[in-house]
Structure formats: C-alpha cells, structure tokens
Amino acid sequence: MGHAGAAAAAVRYLRSVPAAGPVEALPRPELRCVRADERVPVDPTEFRRVLGSFATGVTVITAPAAEGESSPAGFACQSFSSLSLDPPLVCFMVGRTSATWPRIARAGVFCVNVLGAGQGELCRAFAVSGADKFAGVPHDAAPASGSPRLAGAAAWIDCTVHAVHTGGDHLIVVGRVTALGTGETPGGPLLFHRGRFGTLGP
C-alpha cells in the first residue's frame, strides 16, 4: 500500500469512529517571575560561552534627546528580535544597570539601526559608556520619532515604547513599529559570534 492508499484507509477509519465530543483545552500555564531563590546553578562564564554559539545581528538603539537633555542617546545591542506582525512589534533587551536606558525611556521612542558589515567600529563606539557616541557619526532623524537614524545602516525600525517587562538582570522593551526601511549596505549585515564580528559568506 502506497502513501495515497494509507491516507485513504486512515480517512475511512476516522469516519467510522463516533465523535467523542469537543476537545477541552489544557489549562494555561502559570506565568510568573523567577524569584532570586530559584536561580539555576549555572556558571555565568559557561552560560556566556555556550550562548555565544548563537550568531546574532548587531544593532544600535537610538533615541532623541528628551526634555532637558542636550544630546541624543544610543547604545549597541545584539539582543534584538521581531515579535509580532499584527500589531507590528519588535523587542530588545537591556541591562537594568544601563545608564542609557533611562534616557530612552524618558524619550518614549527609539530607532533600531541594524548595522551593516562594515560598521564594526561604529558598534564598538556605541558600546562605550560616558563618551559622546554621536561625535563624527553621520545621521539624520527617523521620520516618526526623530531618533537618530545612522548612515550606512542595513535597516532601520522607528518605534514607540509599547511595554517594558522584567527579565532577570535585564529589561525586555517592546516597541510598536511606526516606520521602517532598508539601506544600501554592500556586504550585508554585521554579525556577532563567539565574541567576534563576522559577515555572511559570498
């Protein structure tokens, strides 16, 4: 009996079995935060080494200067992902101790700049704390939020802060997309793997 015959036999069998009534849904799992006393005994160095095997893209999250501030905010971020198509949502993760995140939160908007293959040094500049990260960096204003849109980026996603959730020593920031686009970037996106930058092969 071939695949078609087996399928037909299965259909005949299912039609001969009396219906058992509606299937009840399983109970929803309990959603809660992990308490400090529930931490899994995983060595942080080993955790970082193993998770470094997962290659990611690299972004710079930027925001316009909030009221009372003289310069825009920005930081390098590899923990970024699309989240929802309808409504259009993205998310990024930021450390709770970040000095840049409170400035982005005050602005209430941000732009995700997906870095291109030749922008490794730009990423390093935005990974440093305390410096003027935008000095000498060409950029314009994203159309909806006014956040810095970095020249040469592979793509940009303009967002408003939609929600913020706790995630251990990080915050999970959800953004609602208001505008987006791609740029001209020879060589494709910048990648990060095992502590080093890389690019897609030919």
N, C-alpha and C. Protein backbone atom coordinates (compact mmCIF):
# COMPACT_ATOMS: atom_id res chain seq x y z
N MET A 1 0.86 -1.20 0.00
CA MET A 1 0.00 0.00 0.00
C MET A 1 0.89 1.24 0.00
N GLY A 2 0.66 2.12 -0.99
CA GLY A 2 1.45 3.34 -1.06
C GLY A 2 0.94 4.40 -0.10
N HIS A 3 1.55 5.58 -0.17
CA HIS A 3 1.14 6.68 0.72
C HIS A 3 -0.31 7.06 0.50
N ALA A 4 -0.75 7.12 -0.77
CA ALA A 4 -2.12 7.51 -1.05
C ALA A 4 -3.11 6.50 -0.48
N GLY A 5 -2.79 5.19 -0.63
CA GLY A 5 -3.68 4.17 -0.08
C GLY A 5 -3.75 4.21 1.42
N ALA A 6 -2.60 4.46 2.09
CA ALA A 6 -2.58 4.55 3.55
C ALA A 6 -3.39 5.74 4.03
N ALA A 7 -3.29 6.84 3.32
CA ALA A 7 -4.05 8.02 3.71
C ALA A 7 -5.54 7.78 3.56
N ALA A 8 -5.93 7.13 2.46
CA ALA A 8 -7.35 6.85 2.26
C ALA A 8 -7.88 5.92 3.33
N ALA A 9 -7.10 4.91 3.71
CA ALA A 9 -7.52 3.99 4.77
C ALA A 9 -7.67 4.71 6.10
N ALA A 10 -6.77 5.64 6.37
CA ALA A 10 -6.86 6.40 7.62
C ALA A 10 -8.12 7.25 7.65
N VAL A 11 -8.46 7.88 6.52
CA VAL A 11 -9.67 8.69 6.45
C VAL A 11 -10.91 7.83 6.68
N ARG A 12 -10.95 6.61 6.04
CA ARG A 12 -12.11 5.73 6.22
C ARG A 12 -12.26 5.32 7.69
N TYR A 13 -11.11 5.06 8.35
CA TYR A 13 -11.17 4.66 9.76
C TYR A 13 -11.70 5.79 10.63
N LEU A 14 -11.20 6.99 10.42
CA LEU A 14 -11.63 8.13 11.24
C LEU A 14 -13.11 8.42 11.04
N ARG A 15 -13.61 8.21 9.83
CA ARG A 15 -15.03 8.45 9.58
C ARG A 15 -15.90 7.40 10.27
N SER A 16 -15.34 6.20 10.49
CA SER A 16 -16.12 5.14 11.12
C SER A 16 -16.16 5.25 12.63
N VAL A 17 -15.26 6.05 13.22
CA VAL A 17 -15.21 6.18 14.68
C VAL A 17 -16.19 7.26 15.11
N PRO A 18 -17.11 6.97 16.07
CA PRO A 18 -18.06 8.00 16.50
C PRO A 18 -17.34 9.17 17.17
N ALA A 19 -17.87 10.36 16.94
CA ALA A 19 -17.27 11.56 17.52
C ALA A 19 -17.31 11.50 19.03
N ALA A 20 -16.23 11.93 19.67
CA ALA A 20 -16.14 11.88 21.13
C ALA A 20 -16.51 13.20 21.78
N GLY A 21 -17.02 14.14 21.00
CA GLY A 21 -17.36 15.44 21.58
C GLY A 21 -16.20 16.40 21.48
N PRO A 22 -16.42 17.64 21.87
CA PRO A 22 -15.37 18.65 21.77
C PRO A 22 -14.18 18.35 22.68
N VAL A 23 -13.00 18.70 22.20
CA VAL A 23 -11.78 18.50 22.98
C VAL A 23 -11.58 19.70 23.88
N GLU A 24 -11.40 19.44 25.18
CA GLU A 24 -11.21 20.53 26.13
C GLU A 24 -9.76 21.00 26.10
N ALA A 25 -9.59 22.31 26.15
CA ALA A 25 -8.25 22.88 26.14
C ALA A 25 -7.54 22.60 27.46
N LEU A 26 -6.24 22.42 27.38
CA LEU A 26 -5.45 22.24 28.59
C LEU A 26 -5.41 23.54 29.38
N PRO A 27 -5.26 23.45 30.70
CA PRO A 27 -5.18 24.69 31.48
C PRO A 27 -3.96 25.51 31.09
N ARG A 28 -4.11 26.83 31.11
CA ARG A 28 -3.00 27.69 30.77
C ARG A 28 -1.92 27.61 31.84
N PRO A 29 -0.63 27.64 31.44
CA PRO A 29 0.44 27.59 32.44
C PRO A 29 0.46 28.87 33.27
N GLU A 30 0.91 28.73 34.50
CA GLU A 30 1.03 29.89 35.38
C GLU A 30 2.20 30.75 34.92
N LEU A 31 1.97 32.03 34.75
CA LEU A 31 3.01 32.96 34.33
C LEU A 31 3.46 33.77 35.54
N ARG A 32 4.72 33.73 35.83
CA ARG A 32 5.23 34.48 36.97
C ARG A 32 6.71 34.74 36.78
N CYS A 33 7.24 35.62 37.60
CA CYS A 33 8.67 35.93 37.55
C CYS A 33 9.46 34.86 38.30
N VAL A 34 10.72 34.69 37.94
CA VAL A 34 11.60 33.78 38.66
C VAL A 34 12.15 34.51 39.88
N ARG A 35 11.97 33.89 41.04
CA ARG A 35 12.47 34.52 42.27
C ARG A 35 13.97 34.30 42.41
N ALA A 36 14.59 35.11 43.25
CA ALA A 36 16.04 35.02 43.44
C ALA A 36 16.46 33.65 43.97
N ASP A 37 15.61 33.02 44.80
CA ASP A 37 15.98 31.73 45.37
C ASP A 37 15.74 30.57 44.41
N GLU A 38 15.30 30.87 43.18
CA GLU A 38 15.06 29.84 42.18
C GLU A 38 16.12 29.85 41.08
N ARG A 39 17.17 30.58 41.28
CA ARG A 39 18.20 30.67 40.25
C ARG A 39 18.83 29.31 40.00
N VAL A 40 18.96 28.96 38.72
CA VAL A 40 19.57 27.70 38.34
C VAL A 40 21.08 27.80 38.53
N PRO A 41 21.70 26.76 39.13
CA PRO A 41 23.15 26.84 39.38
C PRO A 41 23.97 26.66 38.11
N VAL A 42 23.97 27.69 37.26
CA VAL A 42 24.75 27.68 36.03
C VAL A 42 25.84 28.74 36.16
N ASP A 43 27.06 28.35 35.87
CA ASP A 43 28.17 29.29 35.95
C ASP A 43 28.00 30.38 34.89
N PRO A 44 28.03 31.65 35.28
CA PRO A 44 27.82 32.73 34.31
C PRO A 44 28.80 32.72 33.14
N THR A 45 30.05 32.36 33.40
CA THR A 45 31.04 32.31 32.32
C THR A 45 30.69 31.23 31.32
N GLU A 46 30.28 30.07 31.82
CA GLU A 46 29.89 28.98 30.93
C GLU A 46 28.61 29.32 30.17
N PHE A 47 27.69 29.98 30.85
CA PHE A 47 26.45 30.42 30.21
C PHE A 47 26.77 31.33 29.03
N ARG A 48 27.65 32.29 29.25
CA ARG A 48 28.01 33.23 28.19
C ARG A 48 28.74 32.52 27.06
N ARG A 49 29.63 31.57 27.40
CA ARG A 49 30.39 30.86 26.37
C ARG A 49 29.46 30.05 25.47
N VAL A 50 28.55 29.31 26.08
CA VAL A 50 27.65 28.46 25.29
C VAL A 50 26.69 29.29 24.46
N LEU A 51 26.10 30.33 25.06
CA LEU A 51 25.16 31.16 24.32
C LEU A 51 25.85 31.96 23.21
N GLY A 52 27.17 32.13 23.33
CA GLY A 52 27.92 32.79 22.28
C GLY A 52 27.96 32.01 20.99
N SER A 53 27.55 30.73 21.04
CA SER A 53 27.50 29.92 19.82
C SER A 53 26.34 30.33 18.92
N PHE A 54 25.42 31.11 19.47
CA PHE A 54 24.28 31.57 18.69
C PHE A 54 24.64 32.89 18.03
N ALA A 55 24.77 32.89 16.71
CA ALA A 55 25.13 34.11 15.98
C ALA A 55 23.94 35.06 15.93
N THR A 56 24.20 36.34 16.12
CA THR A 56 23.15 37.34 16.09
C THR A 56 23.54 38.49 15.17
N GLY A 57 22.55 39.27 14.78
CA GLY A 57 22.82 40.54 14.15
C GLY A 57 23.23 41.55 15.22
N VAL A 58 23.63 42.72 14.78
CA VAL A 58 24.06 43.76 15.71
C VAL A 58 23.29 45.04 15.39
N THR A 59 22.78 45.68 16.43
CA THR A 59 22.03 46.92 16.23
C THR A 59 22.57 48.01 17.14
N VAL A 60 22.20 49.23 16.83
CA VAL A 60 22.38 50.36 17.73
C VAL A 60 20.99 50.95 17.97
N ILE A 61 20.59 50.98 19.23
CA ILE A 61 19.30 51.56 19.61
C ILE A 61 19.53 53.03 19.92
N THR A 62 18.80 53.92 19.27
CA THR A 62 18.97 55.36 19.48
C THR A 62 17.65 56.00 19.88
N ALA A 63 17.76 57.15 20.52
CA ALA A 63 16.57 57.93 20.90
C ALA A 63 16.94 59.40 20.86
N PRO A 64 15.97 60.26 20.58
CA PRO A 64 16.26 61.70 20.56
C PRO A 64 16.49 62.21 21.98
N ALA A 65 17.09 63.36 22.08
CA ALA A 65 17.29 63.97 23.40
C ALA A 65 15.93 64.27 24.02
N ALA A 66 15.73 63.80 25.24
CA ALA A 66 14.49 64.09 25.95
C ALA A 66 14.54 65.52 26.47
N GLU A 67 13.43 66.01 26.99
CA GLU A 67 13.36 67.37 27.51
C GLU A 67 14.40 67.57 28.60
N GLY A 68 15.17 68.63 28.48
CA GLY A 68 16.21 68.92 29.45
C GLY A 68 17.55 68.29 29.15
N GLU A 69 17.65 67.49 28.08
CA GLU A 69 18.91 66.86 27.69
C GLU A 69 19.45 67.51 26.42
N SER A 70 20.78 67.51 26.31
CA SER A 70 21.40 68.24 25.21
C SER A 70 21.82 67.35 24.04
N SER A 71 21.80 66.04 24.22
CA SER A 71 22.26 65.15 23.16
C SER A 71 21.39 63.90 23.11
N PRO A 72 21.35 63.25 21.94
CA PRO A 72 20.57 62.01 21.84
C PRO A 72 21.24 60.87 22.60
N ALA A 73 20.52 59.78 22.73
CA ALA A 73 21.01 58.60 23.45
C ALA A 73 21.17 57.44 22.49
N GLY A 74 22.09 56.53 22.81
CA GLY A 74 22.26 55.36 21.97
C GLY A 74 23.16 54.33 22.62
N PHE A 75 22.93 53.06 22.30
CA PHE A 75 23.81 52.01 22.79
C PHE A 75 23.78 50.82 21.83
N ALA A 76 24.87 50.07 21.80
CA ALA A 76 24.97 48.88 20.96
C ALA A 76 24.18 47.75 21.59
N CYS A 77 23.44 47.01 20.77
CA CYS A 77 22.56 45.97 21.30
C CYS A 77 22.49 44.81 20.31
N GLN A 78 22.81 43.61 20.77
CA GLN A 78 22.65 42.43 19.93
C GLN A 78 21.42 41.62 20.32
N SER A 79 20.80 41.96 21.45
CA SER A 79 19.60 41.24 21.90
C SER A 79 18.37 41.93 21.35
N PHE A 80 18.13 41.74 20.07
CA PHE A 80 17.01 42.37 19.39
C PHE A 80 16.28 41.32 18.58
N SER A 81 14.95 41.46 18.47
CA SER A 81 14.18 40.49 17.70
C SER A 81 12.87 41.09 17.25
N SER A 82 12.34 40.59 16.12
CA SER A 82 10.96 40.89 15.77
C SER A 82 10.07 40.10 16.73
N LEU A 83 8.87 40.60 16.98
CA LEU A 83 7.99 39.98 17.98
C LEU A 83 6.61 39.67 17.43
N SER A 84 6.00 40.61 16.73
CA SER A 84 4.63 40.43 16.27
C SER A 84 4.43 41.12 14.94
N LEU A 85 3.62 40.49 14.08
CA LEU A 85 3.30 41.08 12.79
C LEU A 85 2.06 41.97 12.88
N ASP A 86 1.09 41.56 13.68
CA ASP A 86 -0.16 42.31 13.82
C ASP A 86 -0.58 42.36 15.28
N PRO A 87 -0.31 43.45 16.00
CA PRO A 87 0.30 44.69 15.51
C PRO A 87 1.81 44.52 15.32
N PRO A 88 2.43 45.41 14.56
CA PRO A 88 3.87 45.29 14.31
C PRO A 88 4.68 45.65 15.56
N LEU A 89 5.30 44.64 16.17
CA LEU A 89 6.07 44.84 17.39
C LEU A 89 7.46 44.24 17.25
N VAL A 90 8.44 44.89 17.86
CA VAL A 90 9.79 44.37 17.99
C VAL A 90 10.18 44.45 19.46
N CYS A 91 11.29 43.84 19.82
CA CYS A 91 11.74 43.95 21.21
C CYS A 91 13.25 43.93 21.27
N PHE A 92 13.78 44.53 22.34
CA PHE A 92 15.20 44.42 22.62
C PHE A 92 15.36 44.28 24.13
N MET A 93 16.49 43.73 24.52
CA MET A 93 16.80 43.54 25.92
C MET A 93 17.93 44.46 26.34
N VAL A 94 17.81 45.05 27.51
CA VAL A 94 18.82 45.98 28.01
C VAL A 94 19.06 45.71 29.48
N GLY A 95 20.31 45.78 29.89
CA GLY A 95 20.66 45.54 31.29
C GLY A 95 20.01 46.56 32.22
N ARG A 96 19.61 46.11 33.39
CA ARG A 96 18.96 47.00 34.36
C ARG A 96 19.89 48.12 34.81
N THR A 97 21.21 47.88 34.72
CA THR A 97 22.17 48.88 35.18
C THR A 97 22.56 49.86 34.06
N SER A 98 21.97 49.73 32.89
CA SER A 98 22.31 50.60 31.77
C SER A 98 22.03 52.06 32.12
N ALA A 99 23.01 52.91 31.81
CA ALA A 99 22.82 54.35 32.02
C ALA A 99 22.07 54.98 30.86
N THR A 100 22.02 54.30 29.71
CA THR A 100 21.36 54.85 28.53
C THR A 100 19.86 54.57 28.54
N TRP A 101 19.45 53.41 29.06
CA TRP A 101 18.04 53.05 29.02
C TRP A 101 17.13 54.10 29.66
N PRO A 102 17.44 54.66 30.83
CA PRO A 102 16.53 55.67 31.39
C PRO A 102 16.31 56.85 30.45
N ARG A 103 17.31 57.21 29.67
CA ARG A 103 17.16 58.32 28.72
C ARG A 103 16.21 57.92 27.58
N ILE A 104 16.32 56.67 27.11
CA ILE A 104 15.41 56.20 26.07
C ILE A 104 13.99 56.13 26.63
N ALA A 105 13.86 55.67 27.87
CA ALA A 105 12.54 55.57 28.49
C ALA A 105 11.90 56.95 28.61
N ARG A 106 12.69 57.97 28.97
CA ARG A 106 12.14 59.32 29.07
C ARG A 106 11.69 59.85 27.71
N ALA A 107 12.43 59.49 26.67
CA ALA A 107 12.04 59.92 25.33
C ALA A 107 10.76 59.23 24.89
N GLY A 108 10.58 57.96 25.30
CA GLY A 108 9.37 57.21 24.94
C GLY A 108 9.36 56.67 23.53
N VAL A 109 10.44 56.89 22.80
CA VAL A 109 10.56 56.42 21.41
C VAL A 109 12.00 55.96 21.18
N PHE A 110 12.20 55.19 20.11
CA PHE A 110 13.56 54.77 19.77
C PHE A 110 13.60 54.30 18.32
N CYS A 111 14.81 54.21 17.80
CA CYS A 111 15.03 53.69 16.45
C CYS A 111 16.06 52.57 16.55
N VAL A 112 15.75 51.43 15.94
CA VAL A 112 16.68 50.31 15.87
C VAL A 112 17.46 50.44 14.57
N ASN A 113 18.77 50.60 14.67
CA ASN A 113 19.63 50.69 13.50
C ASN A 113 20.34 49.34 13.33
N VAL A 114 19.98 48.59 12.31
CA VAL A 114 20.62 47.30 12.04
C VAL A 114 21.92 47.57 11.30
N LEU A 115 23.04 47.22 11.92
CA LEU A 115 24.33 47.61 11.37
C LEU A 115 24.73 46.75 10.17
N GLY A 116 25.46 47.38 9.24
CA GLY A 116 25.97 46.70 8.08
C GLY A 116 27.34 46.09 8.34
N ALA A 117 27.81 45.28 7.40
CA ALA A 117 29.04 44.51 7.57
C ALA A 117 30.26 45.37 7.89
N GLY A 118 30.30 46.60 7.40
CA GLY A 118 31.48 47.44 7.62
C GLY A 118 31.38 48.36 8.80
N GLN A 119 30.43 48.13 9.70
CA GLN A 119 30.21 49.06 10.81
C GLN A 119 30.61 48.51 12.18
N GLY A 120 31.60 47.64 12.19
CA GLY A 120 32.08 47.10 13.46
C GLY A 120 32.63 48.16 14.40
N GLU A 121 33.40 49.11 13.86
CA GLU A 121 33.96 50.16 14.70
C GLU A 121 32.86 51.07 15.24
N LEU A 122 31.82 51.29 14.46
CA LEU A 122 30.69 52.08 14.94
C LEU A 122 30.02 51.38 16.12
N CYS A 123 29.89 50.07 16.02
CA CYS A 123 29.31 49.31 17.12
C CYS A 123 30.16 49.46 18.38
N ARG A 124 31.46 49.35 18.24
CA ARG A 124 32.35 49.49 19.40
C ARG A 124 32.22 50.87 20.04
N ALA A 125 32.05 51.90 19.21
CA ALA A 125 31.92 53.27 19.74
C ALA A 125 30.66 53.40 20.58
N PHE A 126 29.58 52.74 20.16
CA PHE A 126 28.33 52.83 20.91
C PHE A 126 28.28 51.87 22.09
N ALA A 127 29.28 51.00 22.21
CA ALA A 127 29.35 50.09 23.35
C ALA A 127 30.09 50.71 24.53
N VAL A 128 30.68 51.88 24.33
CA VAL A 128 31.46 52.55 25.38
C VAL A 128 30.55 53.47 26.18
N SER A 129 30.72 53.46 27.50
CA SER A 129 29.92 54.33 28.36
C SER A 129 30.62 55.67 28.57
N GLY A 130 29.83 56.72 28.66
CA GLY A 130 30.36 58.02 29.05
C GLY A 130 30.89 58.89 27.95
N ALA A 131 31.11 58.35 26.76
CA ALA A 131 31.67 59.15 25.67
C ALA A 131 30.56 59.80 24.87
N ASP A 132 30.94 60.78 24.03
CA ASP A 132 29.99 61.37 23.10
C ASP A 132 29.89 60.42 21.91
N LYS A 133 28.93 59.53 21.95
CA LYS A 133 28.85 58.45 20.97
C LYS A 133 28.50 58.95 19.56
N PHE A 134 27.90 60.12 19.47
CA PHE A 134 27.46 60.62 18.17
C PHE A 134 28.47 61.56 17.50
N ALA A 135 29.61 61.80 18.16
CA ALA A 135 30.62 62.69 17.59
C ALA A 135 31.16 62.12 16.28
N GLY A 136 31.01 62.85 15.21
CA GLY A 136 31.52 62.43 13.92
C GLY A 136 30.73 61.32 13.26
N VAL A 137 29.57 60.97 13.81
CA VAL A 137 28.75 59.89 13.24
C VAL A 137 27.64 60.51 12.40
N PRO A 138 27.65 60.33 11.08
CA PRO A 138 26.59 60.92 10.25
C PRO A 138 25.25 60.24 10.51
N HIS A 139 24.23 61.05 10.68
CA HIS A 139 22.89 60.52 10.92
C HIS A 139 21.86 61.58 10.59
N ASP A 140 20.63 61.13 10.40
CA ASP A 140 19.53 62.06 10.25
C ASP A 140 18.41 61.62 11.20
N ALA A 141 17.27 62.28 11.13
CA ALA A 141 16.17 61.98 12.05
C ALA A 141 15.22 60.97 11.43
N ALA A 142 14.91 59.91 12.18
CA ALA A 142 13.90 58.96 11.72
C ALA A 142 12.57 59.69 11.58
N PRO A 143 11.75 59.29 10.61
CA PRO A 143 10.57 60.11 10.25
C PRO A 143 9.50 60.24 11.31
N ALA A 144 9.29 59.23 12.13
CA ALA A 144 8.20 59.30 13.11
C ALA A 144 8.65 59.80 14.47
N SER A 145 9.77 59.28 14.95
CA SER A 145 10.19 59.59 16.32
C SER A 145 11.24 60.69 16.41
N GLY A 146 11.95 60.95 15.30
CA GLY A 146 13.05 61.89 15.35
C GLY A 146 14.31 61.31 15.94
N SER A 147 14.31 60.00 16.22
CA SER A 147 15.51 59.34 16.75
C SER A 147 16.61 59.33 15.69
N PRO A 148 17.89 59.34 16.11
CA PRO A 148 18.96 59.29 15.13
C PRO A 148 18.91 58.02 14.28
N ARG A 149 18.94 58.22 12.97
CA ARG A 149 18.99 57.13 12.01
C ARG A 149 20.38 57.15 11.41
N LEU A 150 21.19 56.14 11.73
CA LEU A 150 22.61 56.15 11.40
C LEU A 150 22.83 55.86 9.92
N ALA A 151 23.71 56.66 9.31
CA ALA A 151 24.04 56.48 7.90
C ALA A 151 24.73 55.13 7.70
N GLY A 152 24.39 54.45 6.63
CA GLY A 152 25.03 53.18 6.30
C GLY A 152 24.42 51.97 6.94
N ALA A 153 23.39 52.15 7.77
CA ALA A 153 22.77 51.00 8.42
C ALA A 153 22.06 50.13 7.38
N ALA A 154 22.04 48.82 7.64
CA ALA A 154 21.38 47.90 6.73
C ALA A 154 19.87 48.08 6.75
N ALA A 155 19.33 48.46 7.90
CA ALA A 155 17.90 48.70 8.03
C ALA A 155 17.66 49.57 9.25
N TRP A 156 16.49 50.18 9.32
CA TRP A 156 16.12 50.98 10.48
C TRP A 156 14.65 50.73 10.78
N ILE A 157 14.33 50.71 12.07
CA ILE A 157 12.96 50.47 12.54
C ILE A 157 12.63 51.53 13.57
N ASP A 158 11.70 52.40 13.26
CA ASP A 158 11.31 53.52 14.11
C ASP A 158 10.16 53.06 15.01
N CYS A 159 10.25 53.31 16.32
CA CYS A 159 9.29 52.72 17.25
C CYS A 159 8.90 53.69 18.37
N THR A 160 7.76 53.39 18.98
CA THR A 160 7.39 53.98 20.26
C THR A 160 7.47 52.87 21.31
N VAL A 161 7.79 53.23 22.54
CA VAL A 161 7.85 52.24 23.62
C VAL A 161 6.43 51.75 23.90
N HIS A 162 6.21 50.46 23.72
CA HIS A 162 4.89 49.85 23.86
C HIS A 162 4.69 49.22 25.23
N ALA A 163 5.73 48.53 25.74
CA ALA A 163 5.66 47.86 27.04
C ALA A 163 7.07 47.55 27.50
N VAL A 164 7.24 47.39 28.81
CA VAL A 164 8.52 47.01 29.39
C VAL A 164 8.26 45.90 30.41
N HIS A 165 9.00 44.78 30.29
CA HIS A 165 8.83 43.65 31.18
C HIS A 165 10.16 43.34 31.86
N THR A 166 10.11 42.74 33.03
CA THR A 166 11.33 42.33 33.72
C THR A 166 11.78 40.98 33.20
N GLY A 167 13.09 40.79 33.14
CA GLY A 167 13.66 39.52 32.71
C GLY A 167 14.98 39.29 33.41
N GLY A 168 14.93 38.93 34.70
CA GLY A 168 16.16 38.71 35.45
C GLY A 168 16.93 40.01 35.60
N ASP A 169 18.20 40.00 35.19
CA ASP A 169 19.02 41.22 35.32
C ASP A 169 18.86 42.14 34.11
N HIS A 170 17.90 41.84 33.24
CA HIS A 170 17.62 42.68 32.07
C HIS A 170 16.16 43.13 32.05
N LEU A 171 15.89 44.10 31.22
CA LEU A 171 14.54 44.52 30.92
C LEU A 171 14.22 44.15 29.48
N ILE A 172 12.99 43.74 29.23
CA ILE A 172 12.53 43.40 27.89
C ILE A 172 11.67 44.56 27.41
N VAL A 173 12.17 45.30 26.44
CA VAL A 173 11.49 46.50 25.95
C VAL A 173 10.79 46.16 24.64
N VAL A 174 9.48 46.34 24.62
CA VAL A 174 8.68 46.07 23.42
C VAL A 174 8.38 47.41 22.74
N GLY A 175 8.64 47.48 21.45
CA GLY A 175 8.38 48.69 20.69
C GLY A 175 7.33 48.46 19.62
N ARG A 176 6.44 49.42 19.46
CA ARG A 176 5.46 49.37 18.37
C ARG A 176 6.04 50.12 17.18
N VAL A 177 6.11 49.45 16.04
CA VAL A 177 6.77 50.00 14.85
C VAL A 177 5.87 51.04 14.20
N THR A 178 6.46 52.22 13.95
CA THR A 178 5.72 53.31 13.31
C THR A 178 6.23 53.60 11.90
N ALA A 179 7.47 53.22 11.62
CA ALA A 179 8.05 53.39 10.28
C ALA A 179 9.28 52.49 10.21
N LEU A 180 9.68 52.12 8.99
CA LEU A 180 10.86 51.28 8.83
C LEU A 180 11.32 51.32 7.38
N GLY A 181 12.55 50.88 7.18
CA GLY A 181 13.10 50.86 5.84
C GLY A 181 14.46 50.19 5.81
N THR A 182 15.01 50.01 4.63
CA THR A 182 16.32 49.41 4.46
C THR A 182 17.26 50.40 3.80
N GLY A 183 18.56 50.13 3.92
CA GLY A 183 19.57 51.00 3.33
C GLY A 183 20.43 50.24 2.34
N GLU A 184 21.31 50.96 1.70
CA GLU A 184 22.24 50.36 0.75
C GLU A 184 23.50 49.96 1.52
N THR A 185 23.69 48.66 1.75
CA THR A 185 24.83 48.18 2.53
C THR A 185 25.55 47.06 1.80
N PRO A 186 26.60 47.37 1.08
CA PRO A 186 27.38 46.31 0.43
C PRO A 186 27.94 45.35 1.47
N GLY A 187 27.82 44.06 1.24
CA GLY A 187 28.37 43.08 2.17
C GLY A 187 27.36 42.56 3.16
N GLY A 188 26.15 43.06 3.17
CA GLY A 188 25.13 42.52 4.05
C GLY A 188 25.25 43.01 5.48
N PRO A 189 24.64 42.30 6.43
CA PRO A 189 24.60 42.75 7.82
C PRO A 189 25.87 42.40 8.60
N LEU A 190 26.06 43.09 9.71
CA LEU A 190 27.13 42.77 10.65
C LEU A 190 26.63 41.67 11.59
N LEU A 191 27.45 40.65 11.80
CA LEU A 191 27.09 39.54 12.68
C LEU A 191 28.02 39.49 13.88
N PHE A 192 27.53 38.89 14.98
CA PHE A 192 28.35 38.71 16.18
C PHE A 192 28.27 37.25 16.58
N HIS A 193 29.47 36.61 16.74
CA HIS A 193 29.51 35.17 17.05
C HIS A 193 30.78 34.87 17.83
N ARG A 194 30.61 34.22 18.99
CA ARG A 194 31.73 33.84 19.84
C ARG A 194 32.66 35.01 20.15
N GLY A 195 32.05 36.15 20.44
CA GLY A 195 32.82 37.31 20.87
C GLY A 195 33.48 38.09 19.77
N ARG A 196 33.18 37.76 18.49
CA ARG A 196 33.83 38.46 17.38
C ARG A 196 32.79 38.84 16.33
N PHE A 197 33.11 39.89 15.56
CA PHE A 197 32.25 40.30 14.46
C PHE A 197 32.53 39.40 13.26
N GLY A 198 31.50 39.24 12.45
CA GLY A 198 31.63 38.47 11.22
C GLY A 198 30.64 38.96 10.20
N THR A 199 30.70 38.40 9.01
CA THR A 199 29.78 38.75 7.94
C THR A 199 29.31 37.48 7.26
N LEU A 200 28.25 37.60 6.46
CA LEU A 200 27.77 36.46 5.68
C LEU A 200 28.77 36.14 4.60
N GLY A 201 28.93 34.86 4.30
CA GLY A 201 29.83 34.45 3.24
C GLY A 201 29.30 34.80 1.88
N PRO A 202 30.13 34.69 0.84
CA PRO A 202 29.70 35.05 -0.52
C PRO A 202 28.60 34.11 -1.01
